Every structure is written in C-alpha cells, then in structure tokens.
Amino acid sequence: GTYNALIYFGDCYLELISIEHEQIYEQAAKVPFTLHETYAKLGRRNGICRSALRVQGIEAVAEVFKGTEFEFDEPTHFTRQTKLGTTVGWQLFHVGKRESEGDVPFFIDWEFADEERFSTLSEQQVIAPHLAGDLRVAEVHMAVQNCADLKRFYKLIRLPITEIDNGFEVLLNNTRWIYLQCTEQASLCTLLKFTGAFAVSYTHLRAHET
C-alpha cells in the first residue's frame, strides 16, 4: 500500500515512503513491528523513524532472537517487477517488544552478494555519482524512548556499543548511530551528518523548538 524513492549514499540509502493505497496500508499497519505499524503509532508524523540492517543469511539472524524477550515472525519473502521487466526478490525480518516505547531496526536480505547487487544497480543507472561528489552518511542522531531495548538488541547481534551521556552509539558500516533517550512520544531522527565534497546536514526540528 506504499510507494517509495531511494537516495543512495555509497552502499546505503535513505528511503522516502508514502501511502499509495489507504486500505492496503491500514491492513499492513496491523502487523506488529513493521514500518507501517511504526508510522501509525507515530500518528503519521513525518520524519526518519526506522532503520534497516542489510544482512546475508537472514534465517541465521532469526535464530539469534529465539528464546529472548523479543517477539518476531519468521522472515517474509517479497518480489516485484522492475521497469526493465526483471524480478527483484528480498526478505524482511521484524523483531520487537509490544510493551516497548519504541521500535528497533529490522533486517533486509537482498538474496545475493552486495557487490553483485550494487554492480547491477550501477549498470541500470539506478545508482549514479552525486553531482556534489562522493557523499556518505557520517552520523545519524535518533531521539528515542527505548534506549535499553535498543542496547539489548545490538548486543544480541554482537555489535559493540559505546555509552555516552543520556544514551549510546554504535558504528554501522562507518556510520555513527547515536541514540539519545528522550521523553517525547516519538522515535525520530533529529540530525543527519554527511561527508564528501562538501559538508551538509539534515536537522529535524520538533514542534517546540525554535
């Protein structure tokens, strides 16, 4: 029930998503821990609210969460037709806690090696060089209410975290993810920092800020 646009920065991307079919979206939002449900819980508040971790071998990732306090369904397979007539397949795996004040990242498996995927995307000109140069995401700042659950999540998948004032940070593919505990009923990105040809940043100002 959605449509999207991708903005690539090296081997990662920002995905901008909007609702295309209202009834299909409303049904999808009933599935726990999905991006659709997150958007509904946020009252359809716009902003960067979730992250996905790219993996290979998503079934092995699912095994990590068995017997833990996190709830989940088995990985789900999806396909779609590209404009070139080829079929693209991927799997998603969502985990979470129903009583939590926020969500944790979900997982995506594109079902073939990163090098092959990005080579194909470049050949199809889906990915092209930025006019501004080689821009990369250097930092992502998230204001969350569930720091403890997020720390537990990252520890389960064996990613080292660094404690900081009022939160923690984790390094993902040379990008610093900084999670700060907040009291608002929201989990949104408050700052993106980029490196490359010139310094740029994105800031999400909350309603009470000036």
C-alpha atoms as a PDB file:
ATOM      1  CA  GLY A   1       0.000   0.000   0.000  1.00  0.00           C
ATOM      2  CA  THR A   2       3.017   2.313  -0.293  1.00  0.00           C
ATOM      3  CA  TYR A   3       5.391   3.721  -2.893  1.00  0.00           C
ATOM      4  CA  ASN A   4       8.932   4.905  -2.379  1.00  0.00           C
ATOM      5  CA  ALA A   5      12.013   6.740  -3.604  1.00  0.00           C
ATOM      6  CA  LEU A   6      15.599   5.784  -2.747  1.00  0.00           C
ATOM      7  CA  ILE A   7      18.524   8.157  -2.276  1.00  0.00           C
ATOM      8  CA  TYR A   8      21.841   6.287  -2.351  1.00  0.00           C
ATOM      9  CA  PHE A   9      24.949   7.305  -0.420  1.00  0.00           C
ATOM     10  CA  GLY A  10      27.600   4.761  -1.300  1.00  0.00           C
ATOM     11  CA  ASP A  11      26.274   1.337  -0.334  1.00  0.00           C
ATOM     12  CA  CYS A  12      23.460   2.618   1.900  1.00  0.00           C
ATOM     13  CA  TYR A  13      20.357   4.623   1.136  1.00  0.00           C
ATOM     14  CA  LEU A  14      17.589   6.750   2.557  1.00  0.00           C
ATOM     15  CA  GLU A  15      14.130   5.530   1.637  1.00  0.00           C
ATOM     16  CA  LEU A  16      11.276   8.022   1.390  1.00  0.00           C
ATOM     17  CA  ILE A  17       7.932   6.256   1.678  1.00  0.00           C
ATOM     18  CA  SER A  18       4.374   7.469   1.188  1.00  0.00           C
ATOM     19  CA  ILE A  19       0.936   5.858   1.233  1.00  0.00           C
ATOM     20  CA  GLU A  20      -0.475   4.905  -2.161  1.00  0.00           C
ATOM     21  CA  HIS A  21      -3.428   2.669  -1.255  1.00  0.00           C
ATOM     22  CA  GLU A  22      -5.035   3.606   2.050  1.00  0.00           C
ATOM     23  CA  GLN A  23      -6.920   0.351   2.718  1.00  0.00           C
ATOM     24  CA  ILE A  24      -3.896  -1.849   1.959  1.00  0.00           C
ATOM     25  CA  TYR A  25      -1.736   0.332   4.206  1.00  0.00           C
ATOM     26  CA  GLU A  26      -4.227   0.123   7.085  1.00  0.00           C
ATOM     27  CA  GLN A  27      -4.180  -3.675   6.905  1.00  0.00           C
ATOM     28  CA  ALA A  28      -0.367  -3.749   6.776  1.00  0.00           C
ATOM     29  CA  ALA A  29      -0.186  -1.437   9.803  1.00  0.00           C
ATOM     30  CA  LYS A  30      -1.848  -4.175  11.884  1.00  0.00           C
ATOM     31  CA  VAL A  31       1.241  -6.390  11.526  1.00  0.00           C
ATOM     32  CA  PRO A  32       3.485  -5.933  14.600  1.00  0.00           C
ATOM     33  CA  PHE A  33       6.907  -4.282  14.333  1.00  0.00           C
ATOM     34  CA  THR A  34       6.596  -3.329  10.657  1.00  0.00           C
ATOM     35  CA  LEU A  35       7.378   0.086   9.241  1.00  0.00           C
ATOM     36  CA  HIS A  36       3.660   0.509   8.536  1.00  0.00           C
ATOM     37  CA  GLU A  37       2.820  -0.030  12.211  1.00  0.00           C
ATOM     38  CA  THR A  38       5.560   2.399  13.296  1.00  0.00           C
ATOM     39  CA  TYR A  39       4.130   5.141  11.091  1.00  0.00           C
ATOM     40  CA  ALA A  40       0.656   4.535  12.504  1.00  0.00           C
ATOM     41  CA  LYS A  41       1.916   4.614  16.114  1.00  0.00           C
ATOM     42  CA  LEU A  42       3.637   7.930  15.406  1.00  0.00           C
ATOM     43  CA  GLY A  43       0.315   9.372  14.262  1.00  0.00           C
ATOM     44  CA  ARG A  44       1.657   9.521  10.694  1.00  0.00           C
ATOM     45  CA  ARG A  45       4.196  12.081  11.803  1.00  0.00           C
ATOM     46  CA  ASN A  46       6.706  12.695   9.014  1.00  0.00           C
ATOM     47  CA  GLY A  47      10.411  12.149   9.534  1.00  0.00           C
ATOM     48  CA  ILE A  48      13.078   9.445   9.529  1.00  0.00           C
ATOM     49  CA  CYS A  49      11.751   6.918  12.032  1.00  0.00           C
ATOM     50  CA  ARG A  50      13.195   3.447  11.318  1.00  0.00           C
ATOM     51  CA  SER A  51      16.388   1.828  10.102  1.00  0.00           C
ATOM     52  CA  ALA A  52      17.083  -1.471   8.347  1.00  0.00           C
ATOM     53  CA  LEU A  53      20.204  -3.604   8.669  1.00  0.00           C
ATOM     54  CA  ARG A  54      21.307  -5.332   5.458  1.00  0.00           C
ATOM     55  CA  VAL A  55      22.335  -8.944   6.048  1.00  0.00           C
ATOM     56  CA  GLN A  56      23.087 -12.114   4.129  1.00  0.00           C
ATOM     57  CA  GLY A  57      21.569 -15.266   5.588  1.00  0.00           C
ATOM     58  CA  ILE A  58      18.536 -13.809   7.303  1.00  0.00           C
ATOM     59  CA  GLU A  59      17.440 -17.187   8.706  1.00  0.00           C
ATOM     60  CA  ALA A  60      20.600 -17.283  10.830  1.00  0.00           C
ATOM     61  CA  VAL A  61      19.755 -13.810  12.156  1.00  0.00           C
ATOM     62  CA  ALA A  62      16.279 -15.036  13.144  1.00  0.00           C
ATOM     63  CA  GLU A  63      17.875 -17.829  15.185  1.00  0.00           C
ATOM     64  CA  VAL A  64      19.646 -15.235  17.353  1.00  0.00           C
ATOM     65  CA  PHE A  65      16.336 -13.952  18.752  1.00  0.00           C
ATOM     66  CA  LYS A  66      14.824 -17.326  19.619  1.00  0.00           C
ATOM     67  CA  GLY A  67      14.480 -17.716  23.366  1.00  0.00           C
ATOM     68  CA  THR A  68      14.954 -13.982  24.018  1.00  0.00           C
ATOM     69  CA  GLU A  69      12.484 -11.377  25.263  1.00  0.00           C
ATOM     70  CA  PHE A  70      11.955 -10.118  21.688  1.00  0.00           C
ATOM     71  CA  GLU A  71       8.914 -11.210  19.685  1.00  0.00           C
ATOM     72  CA  PHE A  72       9.067 -11.924  15.958  1.00  0.00           C
ATOM     73  CA  ASP A  73       7.591 -13.757  12.993  1.00  0.00           C
ATOM     74  CA  GLU A  74       9.610 -15.785  10.521  1.00  0.00           C
ATOM     75  CA  PRO A  75      11.346 -13.870   7.671  1.00  0.00           C
ATOM     76  CA  THR A  76       8.937 -12.871   4.903  1.00  0.00           C
ATOM     77  CA  HIS A  77       9.796 -13.061   1.197  1.00  0.00           C
ATOM     78  CA  PHE A  78       8.751 -10.353  -1.290  1.00  0.00           C
ATOM     79  CA  THR A  79       9.159  -9.832  -5.038  1.00  0.00           C
ATOM     80  CA  ARG A  80       8.428  -7.079  -7.518  1.00  0.00           C
ATOM     81  CA  GLN A  81       8.878  -6.356 -11.211  1.00  0.00           C
ATOM     82  CA  THR A  82      11.327  -3.634 -12.219  1.00  0.00           C
ATOM     83  CA  LYS A  83      10.781  -1.197 -15.073  1.00  0.00           C
ATOM     84  CA  LEU A  84      13.208  -3.352 -17.095  1.00  0.00           C
ATOM     85  CA  GLY A  85      10.967  -6.382 -16.662  1.00  0.00           C
ATOM     86  CA  THR A  86      13.228  -8.266 -14.261  1.00  0.00           C
ATOM     87  CA  THR A  87      12.103  -9.717 -10.935  1.00  0.00           C
ATOM     88  CA  VAL A  88      13.719  -8.491  -7.720  1.00  0.00           C
ATOM     89  CA  GLY A  89      13.382 -10.532  -4.537  1.00  0.00           C
ATOM     90  CA  TRP A  90      14.182  -9.791  -0.899  1.00  0.00           C
ATOM     91  CA  GLN A  91      13.341 -10.927   2.617  1.00  0.00           C
ATOM     92  CA  LEU A  92      12.378  -8.875   5.673  1.00  0.00           C
ATOM     93  CA  PHE A  93      12.642  -9.883   9.323  1.00  0.00           C
ATOM     94  CA  HIS A  94      10.982  -7.800  12.049  1.00  0.00           C
ATOM     95  CA  VAL A  95      11.504  -8.091  15.802  1.00  0.00           C
ATOM     96  CA  GLY A  96      10.345  -6.025  18.741  1.00  0.00           C
ATOM     97  CA  LYS A  97       8.572  -5.787  22.084  1.00  0.00           C
ATOM     98  CA  ARG A  98       4.878  -4.966  22.217  1.00  0.00           C
ATOM     99  CA  GLU A  99       5.253  -3.164  25.555  1.00  0.00           C
ATOM    100  CA  SER A 100       8.249  -1.113  24.410  1.00  0.00           C
ATOM    101  CA  GLU A 101       8.088   2.672  23.979  1.00  0.00           C
ATOM    102  CA  GLY A 102       9.721   2.402  20.562  1.00  0.00           C
ATOM    103  CA  ASP A 103      10.964   0.106  17.807  1.00  0.00           C
ATOM    104  CA  VAL A 104      14.301  -1.482  16.948  1.00  0.00           C
ATOM    105  CA  PRO A 105      15.825  -1.830  13.456  1.00  0.00           C
ATOM    106  CA  PHE A 106      14.533  -4.520  11.141  1.00  0.00           C
ATOM    107  CA  PHE A 107      16.566  -6.704   8.771  1.00  0.00           C
ATOM    108  CA  ILE A 108      16.631  -6.977   4.983  1.00  0.00           C
ATOM    109  CA  ASP A 109      18.278  -9.672   2.860  1.00  0.00           C
ATOM    110  CA  TRP A 110      18.570  -8.920  -0.860  1.00  0.00           C
ATOM    111  CA  GLU A 111      19.382 -12.590  -1.531  1.00  0.00           C
ATOM    112  CA  PHE A 112      22.643 -12.025  -3.374  1.00  0.00           C
ATOM    113  CA  ALA A 113      26.045 -10.524  -2.630  1.00  0.00           C
ATOM    114  CA  ASP A 114      26.351  -6.779  -2.069  1.00  0.00           C
ATOM    115  CA  GLU A 115      28.973  -6.432  -4.807  1.00  0.00           C
ATOM    116  CA  GLU A 116      26.697  -8.084  -7.367  1.00  0.00           C
ATOM    117  CA  ARG A 117      23.697  -6.037  -6.326  1.00  0.00           C
ATOM    118  CA  PHE A 118      25.446  -2.665  -6.490  1.00  0.00           C
ATOM    119  CA  SER A 119      27.145  -3.560  -9.758  1.00  0.00           C
ATOM    120  CA  THR A 120      23.745  -4.366 -11.282  1.00  0.00           C
ATOM    121  CA  LEU A 121      22.183  -1.171  -9.913  1.00  0.00           C
ATOM    122  CA  SER A 122      25.031   0.888 -11.344  1.00  0.00           C
ATOM    123  CA  GLU A 123      24.710  -0.768 -14.762  1.00  0.00           C
ATOM    124  CA  GLN A 124      20.987   0.004 -14.721  1.00  0.00           C
ATOM    125  CA  GLN A 125      21.804   3.608 -13.691  1.00  0.00           C
ATOM    126  CA  VAL A 126      19.678   3.245 -10.583  1.00  0.00           C
ATOM    127  CA  ILE A 127      22.798   4.367  -8.726  1.00  0.00           C
ATOM    128  CA  ALA A 128      24.769   7.224 -10.261  1.00  0.00           C
ATOM    129  CA  PRO A 129      27.545   9.526  -8.989  1.00  0.00           C
ATOM    130  CA  HIS A 130      26.343  12.532  -6.991  1.00  0.00           C
ATOM    131  CA  LEU A 131      26.845  15.871  -8.694  1.00  0.00           C
ATOM    132  CA  ALA A 132      28.240  17.129  -5.378  1.00  0.00           C
ATOM    133  CA  GLY A 133      30.790  14.307  -5.147  1.00  0.00           C
ATOM    134  CA  ASP A 134      31.107  11.169  -3.058  1.00  0.00           C
ATOM    135  CA  LEU A 135      28.605  11.928  -0.296  1.00  0.00           C
ATOM    136  CA  ARG A 136      28.315   9.490   2.603  1.00  0.00           C
ATOM    137  CA  VAL A 137      26.220   9.431   5.765  1.00  0.00           C
ATOM    138  CA  ALA A 138      28.629  10.029   8.655  1.00  0.00           C
ATOM    139  CA  GLU A 139      26.259  10.308  11.637  1.00  0.00           C
ATOM    140  CA  VAL A 140      22.620   9.580  12.406  1.00  0.00           C
ATOM    141  CA  HIS A 141      21.158  11.024  15.615  1.00  0.00           C
ATOM    142  CA  MET A 142      17.970   9.376  16.899  1.00  0.00           C
ATOM    143  CA  ALA A 143      15.769  10.630  19.752  1.00  0.00           C
ATOM    144  CA  VAL A 144      14.188   7.523  21.287  1.00  0.00           C
ATOM    145  CA  GLN A 145      12.295   6.360  24.345  1.00  0.00           C
ATOM    146  CA  ASN A 146      13.638   2.791  24.339  1.00  0.00           C
ATOM    147  CA  CYS A 147      17.422   3.064  24.753  1.00  0.00           C
ATOM    148  CA  ALA A 148      17.554  -0.039  26.967  1.00  0.00           C
ATOM    149  CA  ASP A 149      15.762  -2.202  24.375  1.00  0.00           C
ATOM    150  CA  LEU A 150      17.985  -0.878  21.588  1.00  0.00           C
ATOM    151  CA  LYS A 151      21.158  -1.644  23.557  1.00  0.00           C
ATOM    152  CA  ARG A 152      19.919  -5.182  24.213  1.00  0.00           C
ATOM    153  CA  PHE A 153      19.097  -5.567  20.505  1.00  0.00           C
ATOM    154  CA  TYR A 154      22.577  -4.560  19.359  1.00  0.00           C
ATOM    155  CA  LYS A 155      24.239  -6.753  21.981  1.00  0.00           C
ATOM    156  CA  LEU A 156      22.282  -9.770  20.740  1.00  0.00           C
ATOM    157  CA  ILE A 157      23.591  -9.279  17.211  1.00  0.00           C
ATOM    158  CA  ARG A 158      27.100  -8.749  18.625  1.00  0.00           C
ATOM    159  CA  LEU A 159      27.641  -5.134  17.637  1.00  0.00           C
ATOM    160  CA  PRO A 160      29.730  -3.184  20.177  1.00  0.00           C
ATOM    161  CA  ILE A 161      28.127  -0.117  21.716  1.00  0.00           C
ATOM    162  CA  THR A 162      29.720   2.903  23.375  1.00  0.00           C
ATOM    163  CA  GLU A 163      27.985   4.525  26.334  1.00  0.00           C
ATOM    164  CA  ILE A 164      27.564   8.317  26.136  1.00  0.00           C
ATOM    165  CA  ASP A 165      25.665  10.877  28.206  1.00  0.00           C
ATOM    166  CA  ASN A 166      21.943  10.096  28.068  1.00  0.00           C
ATOM    167  CA  GLY A 167      22.356   7.311  25.521  1.00  0.00           C
ATOM    168  CA  PHE A 168      24.779   5.240  23.464  1.00  0.00           C
ATOM    169  CA  GLU A 169      26.277   4.957  19.996  1.00  0.00           C
ATOM    170  CA  VAL A 170      27.024   2.104  17.628  1.00  0.00           C
ATOM    171  CA  LEU A 171      29.146   2.036  14.449  1.00  0.00           C
ATOM    172  CA  LEU A 172      27.392   0.569  11.421  1.00  0.00           C
ATOM    173  CA  ASN A 173      29.309   0.423   8.139  1.00  0.00           C
ATOM    174  CA  ASN A 174      31.393   3.503   9.063  1.00  0.00           C
ATOM    175  CA  THR A 175      28.291   5.456  10.100  1.00  0.00           C
ATOM    176  CA  ARG A 176      27.877   6.511  13.735  1.00  0.00           C
ATOM    177  CA  TRP A 177      24.356   5.868  15.012  1.00  0.00           C
ATOM    178  CA  ILE A 178      23.776   7.961  18.129  1.00  0.00           C
ATOM    179  CA  TYR A 179      20.728   7.112  20.240  1.00  0.00           C
ATOM    180  CA  LEU A 180      19.630   9.631  22.862  1.00  0.00           C
ATOM    181  CA  GLN A 181      16.919   8.943  25.419  1.00  0.00           C
ATOM    182  CA  CYS A 182      14.047  11.423  25.187  1.00  0.00           C
ATOM    183  CA  THR A 183      10.742  11.920  26.955  1.00  0.00           C
ATOM    184  CA  GLU A 184       8.631  12.729  23.909  1.00  0.00           C
ATOM    185  CA  GLN A 185       6.313  10.106  22.472  1.00  0.00           C
ATOM    186  CA  ALA A 186       8.324   9.724  19.294  1.00  0.00           C
ATOM    187  CA  SER A 187      11.340   7.993  17.801  1.00  0.00           C
ATOM    188  CA  LEU A 188      12.661  10.232  15.073  1.00  0.00           C
ATOM    189  CA  CYS A 189      15.961  11.182  13.508  1.00  0.00           C
ATOM    190  CA  THR A 190      16.961  14.637  14.729  1.00  0.00           C
ATOM    191  CA  LEU A 191      20.195  15.055  12.765  1.00  0.00           C
ATOM    192  CA  LEU A 192      21.978  13.580   9.741  1.00  0.00           C
ATOM    193  CA  LYS A 193      25.614  14.473   9.046  1.00  0.00           C
ATOM    194  CA  PHE A 194      27.263  13.829   5.708  1.00  0.00           C
ATOM    195  CA  THR A 195      30.845  13.685   4.484  1.00  0.00           C
ATOM    196  CA  GLY A 196      32.051  14.138   0.930  1.00  0.00           C
ATOM    197  CA  ALA A 197      32.518  17.015  -1.474  1.00  0.00           C
ATOM    198  CA  PHE A 198      31.043  19.487   0.977  1.00  0.00           C
ATOM    199  CA  ALA A 199      29.660  19.410   4.498  1.00  0.00           C
ATOM    200  CA  VAL A 200      25.883  19.165   4.685  1.00  0.00           C
ATOM    201  CA  SER A 201      23.416  18.130   7.346  1.00  0.00           C
ATOM    202  CA  TYR A 202      19.726  17.490   7.821  1.00  0.00           C
ATOM    203  CA  THR A 203      18.012  18.602  11.002  1.00  0.00           C
ATOM    204  CA  HIS A 204      14.500  17.641  12.048  1.00  0.00           C
ATOM    205  CA  LEU A 205      13.157  20.362  14.321  1.00  0.00           C
ATOM    206  CA  ARG A 206      10.483  19.320  16.744  1.00  0.00           C
ATOM    207  CA  ALA A 207       7.359  21.388  17.152  1.00  0.00           C
ATOM    208  CA  HIS A 208       8.539  23.043  20.382  1.00  0.00           C
ATOM    209  CA  GLU A 209      11.946  24.044  19.047  1.00  0.00           C
ATOM    210  CA  THR A 210      12.710  27.440  17.515  1.00  0.00           C
END
